[in-house]
Amino acid sequence: MEACSSQGKFNVTTYNAMSMAIITLQTFAGMWINAFIVSVLCVSWVKKRSFNSNEKILLFLGCVRFCYFCITWVYSFLKILYQCRFYAHHLAQLFSAIQSFFSFSNLWVSAFLSVFYCIKIANFQHTFFIYLKMRIDRIVPWLMLASVLVSLVISFLIYGIADEALNNNHNSTAPGNIWKLNIKMDRRFFPIFFISGFEYVAAFIAVISSALLLLFSLWRHKHKMQAKSGKNVSVDAHIKAMKSILSFLLIYSIHFICAIMELIYATKKATAVMIVISLFKHSFPSIYSLILIFSNPKLEETLIRTLSCLKCKICMK
């Protein structure tokens, strides 16, 4: 702690400053995009006084991602610029738990949204699939509640494990015990890595399976329509939907790879690699939200109209 305090209360390098600048830009973009989704849905609710299941999931997802960006920015700011004081208190454990809550909530709700689109849009004649299609609107609120409860339980576990590990870290700071300390820290954090890895894999399987099933259903339906009436507006809509799904699959796969690599490098002294991986992972919610906007006619139309109004105001000035 003495060596840490001697470096000054406010310790920043060019490398850390660049990382913080990039995170700030990502956070600003992510907060604006998700705030836009939430505001459009809230205005729609004021007019209709009702939400369908799709709007409920999008509203909840937008709120979770907005909070995720806020807490991630504060967490990164304290960890990068006030590292000594940040780890000296219980702030590290607390922020890790809160960030994990919003991160896993975002992960599960994204997976539920993919499954929801598959069940509502895909056309399969299997009995169980038809049953889900009839019941999905009633299941959606319970799925969102389950995602919150599961994420809350995991965040409490992460806080407890991190608190115990870091407390033992403060009690074992002799130079001769550094190598043994790293091994102990790795072992103590293993439950966190295991739980996180299991959630990432489970959500990834759910997303990939539902997206591939939806792609297959849209592709089959597109060919049937082309065989009957040639190219029309409905076929173009199917092609646009398939492009959106493929874009989402690509982005989600990159996010999954970054998440797994982050777990792998978490116990290694590869700070540069960890920062690059975190930056890529941090950009996923913003890109995914943009894909949702451009795949939703109401959100896309409102965004275009909003940007046109802003452009007109700027030109008038």
C-alpha atoms as a PDB file:
ATOM      1  CA  MET A   1       0.000   0.000   0.000  1.00  0.00           C
ATOM      2  CA  GLU A   2       2.900   2.375   0.724  1.00  0.00           C
ATOM      3  CA  ALA A   3       4.353   1.803  -2.737  1.00  0.00           C
ATOM      4  CA  CYS A   4       0.958   2.340  -4.187  1.00  0.00           C
ATOM      5  CA  SER A   5       0.306   5.601  -2.364  1.00  0.00           C
ATOM      6  CA  SER A   6       3.731   6.942  -3.270  1.00  0.00           C
ATOM      7  CA  GLN A   7       2.759   6.896  -6.932  1.00  0.00           C
ATOM      8  CA  GLY A   8       0.069   9.449  -6.206  1.00  0.00           C
ATOM      9  CA  LYS A   9      -3.646   9.375  -5.747  1.00  0.00           C
ATOM     10  CA  PHE A  10      -4.332  10.045  -9.413  1.00  0.00           C
ATOM     11  CA  ASN A  11      -2.200   7.705 -11.541  1.00  0.00           C
ATOM     12  CA  VAL A  12      -2.731   7.799 -15.297  1.00  0.00           C
ATOM     13  CA  THR A  13      -0.559   6.762 -18.227  1.00  0.00           C
ATOM     14  CA  THR A  14      -0.985   7.417 -21.937  1.00  0.00           C
ATOM     15  CA  TYR A  15      -2.052   3.801 -22.414  1.00  0.00           C
ATOM     16  CA  ASN A  16      -4.698   4.025 -19.699  1.00  0.00           C
ATOM     17  CA  ALA A  17      -5.863   7.420 -20.956  1.00  0.00           C
ATOM     18  CA  MET A  18      -6.404   5.987 -24.456  1.00  0.00           C
ATOM     19  CA  SER A  19      -8.318   3.028 -23.027  1.00  0.00           C
ATOM     20  CA  MET A  20     -10.492   5.340 -20.958  1.00  0.00           C
ATOM     21  CA  ALA A  21     -11.167   7.578 -23.958  1.00  0.00           C
ATOM     22  CA  ILE A  22     -12.281   4.609 -26.078  1.00  0.00           C
ATOM     23  CA  ILE A  23     -14.470   3.257 -23.266  1.00  0.00           C
ATOM     24  CA  THR A  24     -16.030   6.718 -22.841  1.00  0.00           C
ATOM     25  CA  LEU A  25     -16.895   6.918 -26.551  1.00  0.00           C
ATOM     26  CA  GLN A  26     -18.339   3.396 -26.498  1.00  0.00           C
ATOM     27  CA  THR A  27     -20.331   4.202 -23.379  1.00  0.00           C
ATOM     28  CA  PHE A  28     -21.730   7.427 -24.814  1.00  0.00           C
ATOM     29  CA  ALA A  29     -22.770   5.679 -28.043  1.00  0.00           C
ATOM     30  CA  GLY A  30     -24.271   2.712 -26.175  1.00  0.00           C
ATOM     31  CA  MET A  31     -26.218   4.890 -23.746  1.00  0.00           C
ATOM     32  CA  TRP A  32     -27.586   7.064 -26.578  1.00  0.00           C
ATOM     33  CA  ILE A  33     -28.665   4.076 -28.692  1.00  0.00           C
ATOM     34  CA  ASN A  34     -30.391   2.245 -25.841  1.00  0.00           C
ATOM     35  CA  ALA A  35     -31.931   5.439 -24.458  1.00  0.00           C
ATOM     36  CA  PHE A  36     -33.389   5.985 -27.934  1.00  0.00           C
ATOM     37  CA  ILE A  37     -34.952   2.498 -27.929  1.00  0.00           C
ATOM     38  CA  VAL A  38     -36.419   3.000 -24.445  1.00  0.00           C
ATOM     39  CA  SER A  39     -37.781   6.480 -25.245  1.00  0.00           C
ATOM     40  CA  VAL A  40     -39.453   5.341 -28.502  1.00  0.00           C
ATOM     41  CA  LEU A  41     -41.103   2.410 -26.723  1.00  0.00           C
ATOM     42  CA  CYS A  42     -42.250   4.611 -23.830  1.00  0.00           C
ATOM     43  CA  VAL A  43     -43.780   7.155 -26.241  1.00  0.00           C
ATOM     44  CA  SER A  44     -45.518   4.265 -28.010  1.00  0.00           C
ATOM     45  CA  TRP A  45     -46.868   3.052 -24.662  1.00  0.00           C
ATOM     46  CA  VAL A  46     -48.234   6.520 -23.842  1.00  0.00           C
ATOM     47  CA  LYS A  47     -50.149   6.461 -27.138  1.00  0.00           C
ATOM     48  CA  LYS A  48     -51.389   2.839 -27.005  1.00  0.00           C
ATOM     49  CA  ARG A  49     -51.385   2.221 -23.236  1.00  0.00           C
ATOM     50  CA  SER A  50     -50.150  -1.314 -23.908  1.00  0.00           C
ATOM     51  CA  PHE A  51     -47.018  -3.321 -24.720  1.00  0.00           C
ATOM     52  CA  ASN A  52     -46.756  -6.474 -26.783  1.00  0.00           C
ATOM     53  CA  SER A  53     -44.255  -9.168 -25.791  1.00  0.00           C
ATOM     54  CA  ASN A  54     -41.626  -7.983 -28.269  1.00  0.00           C
ATOM     55  CA  GLU A  55     -41.785  -4.421 -26.917  1.00  0.00           C
ATOM     56  CA  LYS A  56     -41.563  -5.674 -23.325  1.00  0.00           C
ATOM     57  CA  ILE A  57     -38.333  -7.546 -24.081  1.00  0.00           C
ATOM     58  CA  LEU A  58     -36.864  -4.622 -26.043  1.00  0.00           C
ATOM     59  CA  LEU A  59     -37.753  -2.155 -23.265  1.00  0.00           C
ATOM     60  CA  PHE A  60     -36.232  -4.347 -20.574  1.00  0.00           C
ATOM     61  CA  LEU A  61     -33.148  -5.012 -22.711  1.00  0.00           C
ATOM     62  CA  GLY A  62     -32.689  -1.293 -23.416  1.00  0.00           C
ATOM     63  CA  CYS A  63     -32.919  -0.422 -19.699  1.00  0.00           C
ATOM     64  CA  VAL A  64     -30.483  -3.186 -18.719  1.00  0.00           C
ATOM     65  CA  ARG A  65     -27.958  -2.135 -21.358  1.00  0.00           C
ATOM     66  CA  PHE A  66     -28.228   1.536 -20.423  1.00  0.00           C
ATOM     67  CA  CYS A  67     -27.460   0.655 -16.788  1.00  0.00           C
ATOM     68  CA  TYR A  68     -24.697  -1.716 -17.921  1.00  0.00           C
ATOM     69  CA  PHE A  69     -22.933   1.059 -19.824  1.00  0.00           C
ATOM     70  CA  CYS A  70     -23.251   3.460 -16.868  1.00  0.00           C
ATOM     71  CA  ILE A  71     -21.825   1.048 -14.293  1.00  0.00           C
ATOM     72  CA  THR A  72     -19.104  -0.204 -16.675  1.00  0.00           C
ATOM     73  CA  TRP A  73     -17.886   3.347 -17.310  1.00  0.00           C
ATOM     74  CA  VAL A  74     -17.710   4.136 -13.570  1.00  0.00           C
ATOM     75  CA  TYR A  75     -16.036   0.771 -12.901  1.00  0.00           C
ATOM     76  CA  SER A  76     -13.432   1.352 -15.641  1.00  0.00           C
ATOM     77  CA  PHE A  77     -12.820   4.937 -14.511  1.00  0.00           C
ATOM     78  CA  LEU A  78     -12.101   3.917 -10.925  1.00  0.00           C
ATOM     79  CA  LYS A  79     -10.101   0.824 -11.861  1.00  0.00           C
ATOM     80  CA  ILE A  80      -7.866   2.596 -14.403  1.00  0.00           C
ATOM     81  CA  LEU A  81      -7.385   6.018 -12.829  1.00  0.00           C
ATOM     82  CA  TYR A  82      -7.727   5.289  -9.082  1.00  0.00           C
ATOM     83  CA  GLN A  83      -6.398   1.747  -9.012  1.00  0.00           C
ATOM     84  CA  CYS A  84      -4.738   1.859  -5.576  1.00  0.00           C
ATOM     85  CA  ARG A  85      -7.708   3.203  -3.645  1.00  0.00           C
ATOM     86  CA  PHE A  86     -10.140   1.147  -5.734  1.00  0.00           C
ATOM     87  CA  TYR A  87      -8.632  -2.172  -4.621  1.00  0.00           C
ATOM     88  CA  ALA A  88      -7.939  -1.008  -1.062  1.00  0.00           C
ATOM     89  CA  HIS A  89     -11.634  -0.936  -0.173  1.00  0.00           C
ATOM     90  CA  HIS A  90     -14.643  -3.091  -1.049  1.00  0.00           C
ATOM     91  CA  LEU A  91     -15.348  -1.075  -4.198  1.00  0.00           C
ATOM     92  CA  ALA A  92     -13.784  -3.673  -6.517  1.00  0.00           C
ATOM     93  CA  GLN A  93     -16.009  -6.469  -5.210  1.00  0.00           C
ATOM     94  CA  LEU A  94     -19.122  -4.287  -5.216  1.00  0.00           C
ATOM     95  CA  PHE A  95     -18.662  -2.972  -8.747  1.00  0.00           C
ATOM     96  CA  SER A  96     -17.760  -6.438 -10.058  1.00  0.00           C
ATOM     97  CA  ALA A  97     -21.006  -7.804  -8.628  1.00  0.00           C
ATOM     98  CA  ILE A  98     -23.156  -4.964 -10.001  1.00  0.00           C
ATOM     99  CA  GLN A  99     -21.508  -5.132 -13.418  1.00  0.00           C
ATOM    100  CA  SER A 100     -21.960  -8.913 -13.463  1.00  0.00           C
ATOM    101  CA  PHE A 101     -25.665  -8.505 -12.664  1.00  0.00           C
ATOM    102  CA  PHE A 102     -26.296  -6.212 -15.636  1.00  0.00           C
ATOM    103  CA  SER A 103     -23.941  -8.169 -17.899  1.00  0.00           C
ATOM    104  CA  PHE A 104     -25.648 -11.517 -17.277  1.00  0.00           C
ATOM    105  CA  SER A 105     -29.117  -9.935 -17.418  1.00  0.00           C
ATOM    106  CA  ASN A 106     -28.166  -8.500 -20.804  1.00  0.00           C
ATOM    107  CA  LEU A 107     -26.821 -11.898 -21.887  1.00  0.00           C
ATOM    108  CA  TRP A 108     -29.961 -13.828 -20.956  1.00  0.00           C
ATOM    109  CA  VAL A 109     -32.481 -11.288 -22.229  1.00  0.00           C
ATOM    110  CA  SER A 110     -30.613 -11.183 -25.562  1.00  0.00           C
ATOM    111  CA  ALA A 111     -30.875 -14.959 -25.730  1.00  0.00           C
ATOM    112  CA  PHE A 112     -34.585 -14.836 -24.822  1.00  0.00           C
ATOM    113  CA  LEU A 113     -35.191 -12.251 -27.549  1.00  0.00           C
ATOM    114  CA  SER A 114     -33.560 -14.520 -30.135  1.00  0.00           C
ATOM    115  CA  VAL A 115     -35.661 -17.486 -28.960  1.00  0.00           C
ATOM    116  CA  PHE A 116     -38.785 -15.304 -28.939  1.00  0.00           C
ATOM    117  CA  TYR A 117     -38.237 -14.214 -32.564  1.00  0.00           C
ATOM    118  CA  CYS A 118     -37.671 -17.820 -33.580  1.00  0.00           C
ATOM    119  CA  ILE A 119     -40.900 -19.028 -31.946  1.00  0.00           C
ATOM    120  CA  LYS A 120     -43.033 -16.122 -33.213  1.00  0.00           C
ATOM    121  CA  ILE A 121     -41.704 -15.924 -36.789  1.00  0.00           C
ATOM    122  CA  ALA A 122     -40.564 -19.448 -37.707  1.00  0.00           C
ATOM    123  CA  ASN A 123     -43.126 -21.810 -39.190  1.00  0.00           C
ATOM    124  CA  PHE A 124     -42.702 -25.407 -38.005  1.00  0.00           C
ATOM    125  CA  GLN A 125     -45.482 -27.943 -37.590  1.00  0.00           C
ATOM    126  CA  HIS A 126     -44.059 -29.776 -34.583  1.00  0.00           C
ATOM    127  CA  THR A 127     -46.548 -30.105 -31.693  1.00  0.00           C
ATOM    128  CA  PHE A 128     -44.195 -28.684 -29.053  1.00  0.00           C
ATOM    129  CA  PHE A 129     -43.274 -25.735 -31.289  1.00  0.00           C
ATOM    130  CA  ILE A 130     -46.961 -24.928 -31.879  1.00  0.00           C
ATOM    131  CA  TYR A 131     -47.579 -25.152 -28.120  1.00  0.00           C
ATOM    132  CA  LEU A 132     -44.733 -22.674 -27.459  1.00  0.00           C
ATOM    133  CA  LYS A 133     -46.038 -20.309 -30.135  1.00  0.00           C
ATOM    134  CA  MET A 134     -49.435 -20.232 -28.394  1.00  0.00           C
ATOM    135  CA  ARG A 135     -47.975 -19.773 -24.888  1.00  0.00           C
ATOM    136  CA  ILE A 136     -44.918 -17.580 -25.528  1.00  0.00           C
ATOM    137  CA  ASP A 137     -46.666 -14.278 -24.727  1.00  0.00           C
ATOM    138  CA  ARG A 138     -47.545 -15.546 -21.244  1.00  0.00           C
ATOM    139  CA  ILE A 139     -44.080 -16.997 -20.674  1.00  0.00           C
ATOM    140  CA  VAL A 140     -42.129 -13.813 -21.553  1.00  0.00           C
ATOM    141  CA  PRO A 141     -42.661 -11.943 -18.203  1.00  0.00           C
ATOM    142  CA  TRP A 142     -41.630 -15.038 -16.249  1.00  0.00           C
ATOM    143  CA  LEU A 143     -38.518 -15.475 -18.383  1.00  0.00           C
ATOM    144  CA  MET A 144     -37.467 -11.882 -17.734  1.00  0.00           C
ATOM    145  CA  LEU A 145     -38.090 -12.313 -14.004  1.00  0.00           C
ATOM    146  CA  ALA A 146     -36.064 -15.542 -14.040  1.00  0.00           C
ATOM    147  CA  SER A 147     -33.165 -13.789 -15.807  1.00  0.00           C
ATOM    148  CA  VAL A 148     -33.145 -11.069 -13.117  1.00  0.00           C
ATOM    149  CA  LEU A 149     -33.231 -13.568 -10.251  1.00  0.00           C
ATOM    150  CA  VAL A 150     -30.519 -15.807 -11.734  1.00  0.00           C
ATOM    151  CA  SER A 151     -28.285 -12.787 -12.457  1.00  0.00           C
ATOM    152  CA  LEU A 152     -28.892 -11.485  -8.923  1.00  0.00           C
ATOM    153  CA  VAL A 153     -27.907 -14.799  -7.329  1.00  0.00           C
ATOM    154  CA  ILE A 154     -24.764 -15.011  -9.464  1.00  0.00           C
ATOM    155  CA  SER A 155     -23.790 -11.417  -8.631  1.00  0.00           C
ATOM    156  CA  PHE A 156     -24.065 -12.217  -4.891  1.00  0.00           C
ATOM    157  CA  LEU A 157     -21.870 -15.296  -5.402  1.00  0.00           C
ATOM    158  CA  ILE A 158     -19.317 -13.257  -7.333  1.00  0.00           C
ATOM    159  CA  TYR A 159     -19.242 -10.597  -4.589  1.00  0.00           C
ATOM    160  CA  GLY A 160     -18.687 -13.245  -1.891  1.00  0.00           C
ATOM    161  CA  ILE A 161     -15.945 -15.093  -3.785  1.00  0.00           C
ATOM    162  CA  ALA A 162     -14.161 -11.899  -4.830  1.00  0.00           C
ATOM    163  CA  ASP A 163     -14.370 -10.449  -1.316  1.00  0.00           C
ATOM    164  CA  GLU A 164     -12.878 -13.591   0.231  1.00  0.00           C
ATOM    165  CA  ALA A 165     -10.099 -13.805  -2.358  1.00  0.00           C
ATOM    166  CA  LEU A 166      -9.112 -10.135  -2.093  1.00  0.00           C
ATOM    167  CA  ASN A 167      -9.206 -10.216   1.713  1.00  0.00           C
ATOM    168  CA  ASN A 168      -6.794 -13.150   1.699  1.00  0.00           C
ATOM    169  CA  ASN A 169      -4.722 -11.203  -0.809  1.00  0.00           C
ATOM    170  CA  HIS A 170      -4.240  -8.357   1.692  1.00  0.00           C
ATOM    171  CA  ASN A 171      -3.085 -10.882   4.303  1.00  0.00           C
ATOM    172  CA  SER A 172      -0.456 -12.450   2.009  1.00  0.00           C
ATOM    173  CA  THR A 173       1.568  -9.648   0.472  1.00  0.00           C
ATOM    174  CA  ALA A 174       5.101 -10.783   1.348  1.00  0.00           C
ATOM    175  CA  PRO A 175       7.430 -10.852  -1.707  1.00  0.00           C
ATOM    176  CA  GLY A 176       8.193 -14.547  -1.211  1.00  0.00           C
ATOM    177  CA  ASN A 177       4.529 -15.494  -1.340  1.00  0.00           C
ATOM    178  CA  ILE A 178       3.640 -13.787  -4.649  1.00  0.00           C
ATOM    179  CA  TRP A 179       3.773 -16.973  -6.787  1.00  0.00           C
ATOM    180  CA  LYS A 180       1.751 -18.954  -4.235  1.00  0.00           C
ATOM    181  CA  LEU A 181      -0.678 -16.051  -3.943  1.00  0.00           C
ATOM    182  CA  ASN A 182      -1.357 -16.044  -7.700  1.00  0.00           C
ATOM    183  CA  ILE A 183      -2.131 -19.773  -7.584  1.00  0.00           C
ATOM    184  CA  LYS A 184      -4.479 -19.282  -4.613  1.00  0.00           C
ATOM    185  CA  MET A 185      -6.211 -16.386  -6.359  1.00  0.00           C
ATOM    186  CA  ASP A 186      -6.700 -18.509  -9.484  1.00  0.00           C
ATOM    187  CA  ARG A 187      -8.197 -21.320  -7.440  1.00  0.00           C
ATOM    188  CA  ARG A 188     -10.495 -19.022  -5.478  1.00  0.00           C
ATOM    189  CA  PHE A 189     -11.780 -17.329  -8.634  1.00  0.00           C
ATOM    190  CA  PHE A 190     -12.322 -20.645 -10.436  1.00  0.00           C
ATOM    191  CA  PRO A 191     -16.039 -20.858  -9.377  1.00  0.00           C
ATOM    192  CA  ILE A 192     -16.595 -17.401 -10.933  1.00  0.00           C
ATOM    193  CA  PHE A 193     -14.911 -18.491 -14.168  1.00  0.00           C
ATOM    194  CA  PHE A 194     -16.884 -21.739 -14.221  1.00  0.00           C
ATOM    195  CA  ILE A 195     -20.258 -20.033 -13.621  1.00  0.00           C
ATOM    196  CA  SER A 196     -19.506 -17.297 -16.167  1.00  0.00           C
ATOM    197  CA  GLY A 197     -18.302 -19.801 -18.761  1.00  0.00           C
ATOM    198  CA  PHE A 198     -21.377 -21.985 -18.273  1.00  0.00           C
ATOM    199  CA  GLU A 199     -23.705 -18.988 -18.735  1.00  0.00           C
ATOM    200  CA  TYR A 200     -21.883 -17.810 -21.859  1.00  0.00           C
ATOM    201  CA  VAL A 201     -22.011 -21.288 -23.421  1.00  0.00           C
ATOM    202  CA  ALA A 202     -25.690 -21.867 -22.500  1.00  0.00           C
ATOM    203  CA  ALA A 203     -26.764 -18.477 -23.886  1.00  0.00           C
ATOM    204  CA  PHE A 204     -24.631 -18.977 -27.013  1.00  0.00           C
ATOM    205  CA  ILE A 205     -26.215 -22.383 -27.717  1.00  0.00           C
ATOM    206  CA  ALA A 206     -29.720 -20.917 -27.253  1.00  0.00           C
ATOM    207  CA  VAL A 207     -28.984 -17.990 -29.586  1.00  0.00           C
ATOM    208  CA  ILE A 208     -27.262 -20.037 -32.298  1.00  0.00           C
ATOM    209  CA  SER A 209     -29.939 -22.759 -32.271  1.00  0.00           C
ATOM    210  CA  SER A 210     -32.865 -20.335 -32.462  1.00  0.00           C
ATOM    211  CA  ALA A 211     -31.170 -18.157 -35.102  1.00  0.00           C
ATOM    212  CA  LEU A 212     -30.334 -21.136 -37.337  1.00  0.00           C
ATOM    213  CA  LEU A 213     -33.876 -22.507 -37.022  1.00  0.00           C
ATOM    214  CA  LEU A 214     -35.290 -19.087 -37.905  1.00  0.00           C
ATOM    215  CA  LEU A 215     -32.915 -18.763 -40.869  1.00  0.00           C
ATOM    216  CA  PHE A 216     -33.933 -22.189 -42.162  1.00  0.00           C
ATOM    217  CA  SER A 217     -37.651 -21.354 -41.816  1.00  0.00           C
ATOM    218  CA  LEU A 218     -37.273 -17.983 -43.585  1.00  0.00           C
ATOM    219  CA  TRP A 219     -35.137 -19.503 -46.362  1.00  0.00           C
ATOM    220  CA  ARG A 220     -37.696 -22.267 -46.959  1.00  0.00           C
ATOM    221  CA  HIS A 221     -40.613 -19.836 -46.967  1.00  0.00           C
ATOM    222  CA  LYS A 222     -38.765 -17.459 -49.310  1.00  0.00           C
ATOM    223  CA  HIS A 223     -38.226 -20.223 -51.872  1.00  0.00           C
ATOM    224  CA  LYS A 224     -41.913 -21.204 -51.701  1.00  0.00           C
ATOM    225  CA  MET A 225     -43.007 -17.612 -52.387  1.00  0.00           C
ATOM    226  CA  GLN A 226     -40.498 -17.225 -55.228  1.00  0.00           C
ATOM    227  CA  ALA A 227     -41.755 -20.419 -56.827  1.00  0.00           C
ATOM    228  CA  LYS A 228     -45.344 -19.144 -56.690  1.00  0.00           C
ATOM    229  CA  SER A 229     -45.153 -15.460 -57.586  1.00  0.00           C
ATOM    230  CA  GLY A 230     -41.532 -14.543 -58.259  1.00  0.00           C
ATOM    231  CA  LYS A 231     -39.835 -11.669 -56.461  1.00  0.00           C
ATOM    232  CA  ASN A 232     -42.172  -9.393 -54.461  1.00  0.00           C
ATOM    233  CA  VAL A 233     -42.213  -7.188 -51.386  1.00  0.00           C
ATOM    234  CA  SER A 234     -42.675 -10.143 -49.021  1.00  0.00           C
ATOM    235  CA  VAL A 235     -39.625 -11.897 -50.445  1.00  0.00           C
ATOM    236  CA  ASP A 236     -37.553  -8.720 -50.004  1.00  0.00           C
ATOM    237  CA  ALA A 237     -38.697  -8.497 -46.377  1.00  0.00           C
ATOM    238  CA  HIS A 238     -37.607 -12.105 -45.800  1.00  0.00           C
ATOM    239  CA  ILE A 239     -34.195 -11.412 -47.350  1.00  0.00           C
ATOM    240  CA  LYS A 240     -33.763  -8.316 -45.135  1.00  0.00           C
ATOM    241  CA  ALA A 241     -34.695 -10.366 -42.062  1.00  0.00           C
ATOM    242  CA  MET A 242     -32.183 -13.086 -43.012  1.00  0.00           C
ATOM    243  CA  LYS A 243     -29.427 -10.476 -43.439  1.00  0.00           C
ATOM    244  CA  SER A 244     -30.209  -9.060 -39.982  1.00  0.00           C
ATOM    245  CA  ILE A 245     -30.040 -12.532 -38.437  1.00  0.00           C
ATOM    246  CA  LEU A 246     -26.720 -13.289 -40.136  1.00  0.00           C
ATOM    247  CA  SER A 247     -25.300  -9.961 -38.934  1.00  0.00           C
ATOM    248  CA  PHE A 248     -26.438 -10.723 -35.413  1.00  0.00           C
ATOM    249  CA  LEU A 249     -24.921 -14.241 -35.570  1.00  0.00           C
ATOM    250  CA  LEU A 250     -21.570 -12.802 -36.641  1.00  0.00           C
ATOM    251  CA  ILE A 251     -21.563 -10.149 -33.890  1.00  0.00           C
ATOM    252  CA  TYR A 252     -22.742 -12.579 -31.225  1.00  0.00           C
ATOM    253  CA  SER A 253     -20.079 -15.138 -32.210  1.00  0.00           C
ATOM    254  CA  ILE A 254     -17.356 -12.474 -31.892  1.00  0.00           C
ATOM    255  CA  HIS A 255     -18.772 -11.478 -28.506  1.00  0.00           C
ATOM    256  CA  PHE A 256     -18.770 -15.099 -27.339  1.00  0.00           C
ATOM    257  CA  ILE A 257     -15.137 -15.582 -28.415  1.00  0.00           C
ATOM    258  CA  CYS A 258     -14.139 -12.349 -26.609  1.00  0.00           C
ATOM    259  CA  ALA A 259     -16.002 -13.429 -23.454  1.00  0.00           C
ATOM    260  CA  ILE A 260     -14.261 -16.829 -23.375  1.00  0.00           C
ATOM    261  CA  MET A 261     -10.856 -15.247 -24.076  1.00  0.00           C
ATOM    262  CA  GLU A 262     -11.477 -12.764 -21.261  1.00  0.00           C
ATOM    263  CA  LEU A 263     -11.999 -15.679 -18.861  1.00  0.00           C
ATOM    264  CA  ILE A 264      -8.852 -17.414 -20.141  1.00  0.00           C
ATOM    265  CA  TYR A 265      -6.607 -14.333 -19.812  1.00  0.00           C
ATOM    266  CA  ALA A 266      -8.168 -13.117 -16.544  1.00  0.00           C
ATOM    267  CA  THR A 267      -5.576 -14.919 -14.391  1.00  0.00           C
ATOM    268  CA  LYS A 268      -2.623 -14.095 -16.636  1.00  0.00           C
ATOM    269  CA  LYS A 269      -0.491 -10.982 -16.676  1.00  0.00           C
ATOM    270  CA  ALA A 270      -1.577  -9.928 -20.154  1.00  0.00           C
ATOM    271  CA  THR A 271      -2.948  -6.462 -19.467  1.00  0.00           C
ATOM    272  CA  ALA A 272      -2.790  -5.273 -23.085  1.00  0.00           C
ATOM    273  CA  VAL A 273      -4.606  -8.370 -24.352  1.00  0.00           C
ATOM    274  CA  MET A 274      -7.248  -8.048 -21.629  1.00  0.00           C
ATOM    275  CA  ILE A 275      -7.907  -4.391 -22.462  1.00  0.00           C
ATOM    276  CA  VAL A 276      -8.288  -5.125 -26.196  1.00  0.00           C
ATOM    277  CA  ILE A 277     -10.652  -8.031 -25.478  1.00  0.00           C
ATOM    278  CA  SER A 278     -12.682  -5.920 -23.034  1.00  0.00           C
ATOM    279  CA  LEU A 279     -13.009  -3.108 -25.584  1.00  0.00           C
ATOM    280  CA  PHE A 280     -14.321  -5.512 -28.233  1.00  0.00           C
ATOM    281  CA  LYS A 281     -16.702  -7.097 -25.733  1.00  0.00           C
ATOM    282  CA  HIS A 282     -17.884  -3.704 -24.483  1.00  0.00           C
ATOM    283  CA  SER A 283     -18.890  -2.661 -28.021  1.00  0.00           C
ATOM    284  CA  PHE A 284     -21.199  -5.671 -28.556  1.00  0.00           C
ATOM    285  CA  PRO A 285     -24.358  -4.291 -26.821  1.00  0.00           C
ATOM    286  CA  SER A 286     -24.229  -1.102 -28.921  1.00  0.00           C
ATOM    287  CA  ILE A 287     -23.844  -2.949 -32.225  1.00  0.00           C
ATOM    288  CA  TYR A 288     -26.559  -5.440 -31.313  1.00  0.00           C
ATOM    289  CA  SER A 289     -28.914  -2.596 -30.359  1.00  0.00           C
ATOM    290  CA  LEU A 290     -28.262  -0.962 -33.748  1.00  0.00           C
ATOM    291  CA  ILE A 291     -29.146  -4.242 -35.488  1.00  0.00           C
ATOM    292  CA  LEU A 292     -32.380  -4.345 -33.465  1.00  0.00           C
ATOM    293  CA  ILE A 293     -33.215  -0.771 -34.495  1.00  0.00           C
ATOM    294  CA  PHE A 294     -32.691  -1.399 -38.216  1.00  0.00           C
ATOM    295  CA  SER A 295     -34.599  -4.690 -38.091  1.00  0.00           C
ATOM    296  CA  ASN A 296     -37.603  -3.047 -36.412  1.00  0.00           C
ATOM    297  CA  PRO A 297     -39.652  -0.845 -38.820  1.00  0.00           C
ATOM    298  CA  LYS A 298     -40.984   1.433 -36.061  1.00  0.00           C
ATOM    299  CA  LEU A 299     -37.566   2.050 -34.499  1.00  0.00           C
ATOM    300  CA  GLU A 300     -35.865   2.456 -37.899  1.00  0.00           C
ATOM    301  CA  GLU A 301     -38.458   4.959 -39.117  1.00  0.00           C
ATOM    302  CA  THR A 302     -38.247   6.972 -35.894  1.00  0.00           C
ATOM    303  CA  LEU A 303     -34.438   7.017 -36.021  1.00  0.00           C
ATOM    304  CA  ILE A 304     -34.399   8.227 -39.632  1.00  0.00           C
ATOM    305  CA  ARG A 305     -36.977  10.905 -38.827  1.00  0.00           C
ATOM    306  CA  THR A 306     -35.013  12.016 -35.750  1.00  0.00           C
ATOM    307  CA  LEU A 307     -31.728  12.229 -37.658  1.00  0.00           C
ATOM    308  CA  SER A 308     -33.446  14.174 -40.454  1.00  0.00           C
ATOM    309  CA  CYS A 309     -34.828  16.695 -37.942  1.00  0.00           C
ATOM    310  CA  LEU A 310     -31.395  17.099 -36.328  1.00  0.00           C
ATOM    311  CA  LYS A 311     -29.825  17.584 -39.746  1.00  0.00           C
ATOM    312  CA  CYS A 312     -32.388  20.269 -40.646  1.00  0.00           C
ATOM    313  CA  LYS A 313     -31.792  22.110 -37.361  1.00  0.00           C
ATOM    314  CA  ILE A 314     -28.028  22.021 -37.880  1.00  0.00           C
ATOM    315  CA  CYS A 315     -28.397  23.309 -41.454  1.00  0.00           C
ATOM    316  CA  MET A 316     -30.682  26.150 -40.302  1.00  0.00           C
ATOM    317  CA  LYS A 317     -28.042  27.294 -37.842  1.00  0.00           C
END
